C-alpha atoms as a PDB file:
ATOM      1  CA  UNK A   1      11.056  -0.187  40.944  1.00  0.00           C
ATOM      2  CA  UNK A   2      12.124   2.354  43.524  1.00  0.00           C
ATOM      3  CA  UNK A   3      14.229   5.478  43.177  1.00  0.00           C
ATOM      4  CA  UNK A   4      17.873   4.364  43.589  1.00  0.00           C
ATOM      5  CA  UNK A   5      16.524   0.917  44.504  1.00  0.00           C
ATOM      6  CA  UNK A   6      19.311  -1.018  42.797  1.00  0.00           C
ATOM      7  CA  UNK A   7      21.964   0.936  44.704  1.00  0.00           C
ATOM      8  CA  UNK A   8      20.101   0.529  47.996  1.00  0.00           C
ATOM      9  CA  UNK A   9      19.821  -3.244  47.513  1.00  0.00           C
ATOM     10  CA  UNK A  10      23.568  -3.512  46.737  1.00  0.00           C
ATOM     11  CA  UNK A  11      24.457  -1.457  49.825  1.00  0.00           C
ATOM     12  CA  UNK A  12      22.206  -3.506  52.092  1.00  0.00           C
ATOM     13  CA  UNK A  13      23.634  -6.759  50.726  1.00  0.00           C
ATOM     14  CA  UNK A  14      27.172  -5.389  51.149  1.00  0.00           C
ATOM     15  CA  UNK A  15      26.503  -4.586  54.818  1.00  0.00           C
ATOM     16  CA  UNK A  16      25.641  -8.265  55.251  1.00  0.00           C
ATOM     17  CA  UNK A  17      28.739  -9.376  53.342  1.00  0.00           C
ATOM     18  CA  UNK A  18      26.674 -10.662  50.443  1.00  0.00           C
ATOM     19  CA  UNK A  19      27.209  -9.682  46.794  1.00  0.00           C
ATOM     20  CA  UNK A  20      24.331  -8.556  44.650  1.00  0.00           C
ATOM     21  CA  UNK A  21      23.970  -9.268  40.957  1.00  0.00           C
ATOM     22  CA  UNK A  22      23.603  -6.236  38.701  1.00  0.00           C
ATOM     23  CA  UNK A  23      21.067  -6.974  35.988  1.00  0.00           C
ATOM     24  CA  UNK A  24      22.133  -6.198  32.459  1.00  0.00           C
ATOM     25  CA  UNK A  25      18.665  -4.712  32.015  1.00  0.00           C
ATOM     26  CA  UNK A  26      18.935  -2.450  35.065  1.00  0.00           C
ATOM     27  CA  UNK A  27      18.240   1.272  34.980  1.00  0.00           C
ATOM     28  CA  UNK A  28      21.147   2.165  37.276  1.00  0.00           C
ATOM     29  CA  UNK A  29      24.667   1.926  35.912  1.00  0.00           C
ATOM     30  CA  UNK A  30      26.915  -0.876  37.095  1.00  0.00           C
ATOM     31  CA  UNK A  31      29.483   1.784  38.050  1.00  0.00           C
ATOM     32  CA  UNK A  32      27.057   3.538  40.406  1.00  0.00           C
ATOM     33  CA  UNK A  33      25.968   0.256  41.945  1.00  0.00           C
ATOM     34  CA  UNK A  34      29.561  -0.989  42.362  1.00  0.00           C
ATOM     35  CA  UNK A  35      30.845   2.202  43.964  1.00  0.00           C
ATOM     36  CA  UNK A  36      28.145   2.189  46.628  1.00  0.00           C
ATOM     37  CA  UNK A  37      28.822  -1.232  48.145  1.00  0.00           C
ATOM     38  CA  UNK A  38      31.583  -2.806  50.206  1.00  0.00           C
ATOM     39  CA  UNK A  39      31.214  -6.178  48.455  1.00  0.00           C
ATOM     40  CA  UNK A  40      31.911  -6.166  44.706  1.00  0.00           C
ATOM     41  CA  UNK A  41      28.736  -7.086  42.861  1.00  0.00           C
ATOM     42  CA  UNK A  42      28.385  -9.700  40.173  1.00  0.00           C
ATOM     43  CA  UNK A  43      27.066  -8.852  36.704  1.00  0.00           C
ATOM     44  CA  UNK A  44      24.389 -10.691  34.745  1.00  0.00           C
ATOM     45  CA  UNK A  45      25.301 -10.775  31.053  1.00  0.00           C
ATOM     46  CA  UNK A  46      23.264 -11.563  27.978  1.00  0.00           C
ATOM     47  CA  UNK A  47      25.308 -11.822  24.792  1.00  0.00           C
ATOM     48  CA  UNK A  48      24.181  -9.505  22.018  1.00  0.00           C
ATOM     49  CA  UNK A  49      24.242 -10.497  18.365  1.00  0.00           C
ATOM     50  CA  UNK A  50      27.095  -8.020  17.949  1.00  0.00           C
ATOM     51  CA  UNK A  51      29.884  -9.693  19.929  1.00  0.00           C
ATOM     52  CA  UNK A  52      32.148  -6.620  19.791  1.00  0.00           C
ATOM     53  CA  UNK A  53      29.529  -4.594  21.657  1.00  0.00           C
ATOM     54  CA  UNK A  54      29.185  -7.427  24.160  1.00  0.00           C
ATOM     55  CA  UNK A  55      32.950  -7.560  24.754  1.00  0.00           C
ATOM     56  CA  UNK A  56      33.031  -3.763  25.167  1.00  0.00           C
ATOM     57  CA  UNK A  57      30.418  -4.116  27.908  1.00  0.00           C
ATOM     58  CA  UNK A  58      32.516  -6.833  29.563  1.00  0.00           C
ATOM     59  CA  UNK A  59      35.503  -4.438  29.570  1.00  0.00           C
ATOM     60  CA  UNK A  60      33.307  -1.823  31.216  1.00  0.00           C
ATOM     61  CA  UNK A  61      32.278  -4.381  33.855  1.00  0.00           C
ATOM     62  CA  UNK A  62      35.942  -5.229  34.486  1.00  0.00           C
ATOM     63  CA  UNK A  63      36.908  -1.554  34.765  1.00  0.00           C
ATOM     64  CA  UNK A  64      34.254  -1.111  37.454  1.00  0.00           C
ATOM     65  CA  UNK A  65      35.991  -3.797  39.547  1.00  0.00           C
ATOM     66  CA  UNK A  66      33.434  -6.517  38.911  1.00  0.00           C
ATOM     67  CA  UNK A  67      35.084  -9.876  38.341  1.00  0.00           C
ATOM     68  CA  UNK A  68      32.112 -12.261  38.371  1.00  0.00           C
ATOM     69  CA  UNK A  69      29.858 -12.717  35.338  1.00  0.00           C
ATOM     70  CA  UNK A  70      26.603 -14.620  35.364  1.00  0.00           C
ATOM     71  CA  UNK A  71      25.990 -15.602  31.734  1.00  0.00           C
ATOM     72  CA  UNK A  72      22.280 -15.775  30.950  1.00  0.00           C
ATOM     73  CA  UNK A  73      21.391 -17.887  27.931  1.00  0.00           C
ATOM     74  CA  UNK A  74      17.596 -18.137  27.985  1.00  0.00           C
ATOM     75  CA  UNK A  75      16.867 -14.653  26.623  1.00  0.00           C
ATOM     76  CA  UNK A  76      16.317 -15.499  22.944  1.00  0.00           C
ATOM     77  CA  UNK A  77      13.582 -18.001  23.859  1.00  0.00           C
ATOM     78  CA  UNK A  78      10.469 -16.095  24.790  1.00  0.00           C
ATOM     79  CA  UNK A  79       9.128 -17.377  28.078  1.00  0.00           C
ATOM     80  CA  UNK A  80       5.421 -17.922  28.517  1.00  0.00           C
ATOM     81  CA  UNK A  81       4.998 -15.793  31.611  1.00  0.00           C
ATOM     82  CA  UNK A  82       1.234 -15.783  31.873  1.00  0.00           C
ATOM     83  CA  UNK A  83       1.310 -13.652  35.027  1.00  0.00           C
ATOM     84  CA  UNK A  84       3.050 -10.855  33.070  1.00  0.00           C
ATOM     85  CA  UNK A  85       0.295 -10.980  30.473  1.00  0.00           C
ATOM     86  CA  UNK A  86      -2.406 -10.898  33.143  1.00  0.00           C
ATOM     87  CA  UNK A  87      -0.682  -8.006  34.904  1.00  0.00           C
ATOM     88  CA  UNK A  88      -0.006  -6.078  31.703  1.00  0.00           C
ATOM     89  CA  UNK A  89       3.765  -6.111  32.252  1.00  0.00           C
ATOM     90  CA  UNK A  90       5.983  -5.815  29.241  1.00  0.00           C
ATOM     91  CA  UNK A  91       8.828  -3.906  27.661  1.00  0.00           C
ATOM     92  CA  UNK A  92       8.321  -1.448  26.236  1.00  0.00           C
ATOM     93  CA  UNK A  93       5.664  -0.328  28.703  1.00  0.00           C
ATOM     94  CA  UNK A  94       2.256   0.272  27.156  1.00  0.00           C
ATOM     95  CA  UNK A  95      -0.299   2.554  28.701  1.00  0.00           C
ATOM     96  CA  UNK A  96      -3.689   0.991  29.238  1.00  0.00           C
ATOM     97  CA  UNK A  97      -6.717   1.822  31.345  1.00  0.00           C
ATOM     98  CA  UNK A  98      -5.452  -0.641  33.945  1.00  0.00           C
ATOM     99  CA  UNK A  99      -1.915   0.808  34.082  1.00  0.00           C
ATOM    100  CA  UNK A 100      -3.171   4.398  34.238  1.00  0.00           C
ATOM    101  CA  UNK A 101      -5.539   3.501  37.082  1.00  0.00           C
ATOM    102  CA  UNK A 102      -2.702   1.689  38.859  1.00  0.00           C
ATOM    103  CA  UNK A 103      -0.480   4.757  38.609  1.00  0.00           C
ATOM    104  CA  UNK A 104      -3.312   7.017  39.774  1.00  0.00           C
ATOM    105  CA  UNK A 105      -3.912   4.789  42.837  1.00  0.00           C
ATOM    106  CA  UNK A 106      -0.256   5.164  43.909  1.00  0.00           C
ATOM    107  CA  UNK A 107       0.505   8.903  43.863  1.00  0.00           C
ATOM    108  CA  UNK A 108       3.156   8.667  46.592  1.00  0.00           C
ATOM    109  CA  UNK A 109       5.077   6.101  44.508  1.00  0.00           C
ATOM    110  CA  UNK A 110       4.841   8.349  41.452  1.00  0.00           C
ATOM    111  CA  UNK A 111       6.127  11.321  43.444  1.00  0.00           C
ATOM    112  CA  UNK A 112       8.911   9.483  45.278  1.00  0.00           C
ATOM    113  CA  UNK A 113      10.084   7.168  42.476  1.00  0.00           C
ATOM    114  CA  UNK A 114       9.137   8.211  38.976  1.00  0.00           C
ATOM    115  CA  UNK A 115       9.317  11.998  39.273  1.00  0.00           C
ATOM    116  CA  UNK A 116      12.860  12.096  40.761  1.00  0.00           C
ATOM    117  CA  UNK A 117      14.059   9.705  38.068  1.00  0.00           C
ATOM    118  CA  UNK A 118      12.453  11.787  35.314  1.00  0.00           C
ATOM    119  CA  UNK A 119      13.973  14.936  36.809  1.00  0.00           C
ATOM    120  CA  UNK A 120      17.486  13.495  37.231  1.00  0.00           C
ATOM    121  CA  UNK A 121      17.922  11.318  34.125  1.00  0.00           C
ATOM    122  CA  UNK A 122      14.733  11.326  32.082  1.00  0.00           C
ATOM    123  CA  UNK A 123      12.807   8.200  31.235  1.00  0.00           C
ATOM    124  CA  UNK A 124      14.274   5.075  32.829  1.00  0.00           C
ATOM    125  CA  UNK A 125      16.468   3.377  30.234  1.00  0.00           C
ATOM    126  CA  UNK A 126      18.606   0.267  30.012  1.00  0.00           C
ATOM    127  CA  UNK A 127      21.904   1.994  30.795  1.00  0.00           C
ATOM    128  CA  UNK A 128      24.206  -0.908  29.959  1.00  0.00           C
ATOM    129  CA  UNK A 129      23.218  -0.825  26.313  1.00  0.00           C
ATOM    130  CA  UNK A 130      25.388   1.201  23.910  1.00  0.00           C
ATOM    131  CA  UNK A 131      24.644   4.913  24.317  1.00  0.00           C
ATOM    132  CA  UNK A 132      23.286   5.414  20.813  1.00  0.00           C
ATOM    133  CA  UNK A 133      20.923   2.435  21.133  1.00  0.00           C
ATOM    134  CA  UNK A 134      19.639   2.548  24.711  1.00  0.00           C
ATOM    135  CA  UNK A 135      16.027   1.491  24.912  1.00  0.00           C
ATOM    136  CA  UNK A 136      13.887   3.160  27.539  1.00  0.00           C
ATOM    137  CA  UNK A 137      10.738   1.929  29.211  1.00  0.00           C
ATOM    138  CA  UNK A 138       8.600   3.272  26.353  1.00  0.00           C
ATOM    139  CA  UNK A 139      10.780   2.321  23.361  1.00  0.00           C
ATOM    140  CA  UNK A 140      12.381  -0.921  22.231  1.00  0.00           C
ATOM    141  CA  UNK A 141      16.043  -1.005  21.138  1.00  0.00           C
ATOM    142  CA  UNK A 142      16.553   0.703  17.788  1.00  0.00           C
ATOM    143  CA  UNK A 143      19.639  -1.307  16.808  1.00  0.00           C
ATOM    144  CA  UNK A 144      19.206  -4.894  15.647  1.00  0.00           C
ATOM    145  CA  UNK A 145      22.829  -5.713  16.467  1.00  0.00           C
ATOM    146  CA  UNK A 146      22.011  -5.558  20.168  1.00  0.00           C
ATOM    147  CA  UNK A 147      19.293  -8.140  19.958  1.00  0.00           C
ATOM    148  CA  UNK A 148      19.974 -11.117  22.184  1.00  0.00           C
ATOM    149  CA  UNK A 149      22.217 -13.722  20.576  1.00  0.00           C
ATOM    150  CA  UNK A 150      20.662 -17.092  19.915  1.00  0.00           C
ATOM    151  CA  UNK A 151      23.894 -18.666  18.656  1.00  0.00           C
ATOM    152  CA  UNK A 152      26.074 -18.535  21.771  1.00  0.00           C
ATOM    153  CA  UNK A 153      28.891 -21.103  21.848  1.00  0.00           C
ATOM    154  CA  UNK A 154      31.603 -22.146  24.282  1.00  0.00           C
ATOM    155  CA  UNK A 155      34.022 -20.184  22.092  1.00  0.00           C
ATOM    156  CA  UNK A 156      32.153 -16.983  23.012  1.00  0.00           C
ATOM    157  CA  UNK A 157      32.585 -17.821  26.694  1.00  0.00           C
ATOM    158  CA  UNK A 158      36.315 -18.524  26.299  1.00  0.00           C
ATOM    159  CA  UNK A 159      36.885 -15.177  24.572  1.00  0.00           C
END
């Protein structure tokens, strides 16, 4: 995580003529990422349980000039990422002695990355989620209808 990192990656890729893929779980809006690059990005999409909300997001993607979707289907199956457990990574973020010490050992990162983000937009949140249900790094989604769909079919893709 770096302040404006997702935009910087898209710009750098664009200068090389390569598209970047905007993560559905990113903290920078697809519109901001798309407007800053010369090569239209792609968008990674998880289907939510509420298909209408998913299709509204797809319309938003289209409006931003993004015409490539990468459909991700593995989300409902929890991966056994042992390295995340060992490193204490998870969403929502949980403070622990280890994470607090890690933050304290990197004051320049805190000052250059976290503080500007807090100042400009508050806690980093998943900005592609519906406004009234956006989870942030400290809180899980508060709307069960935006849980990841585990019943995706080819009919959903055709729509």
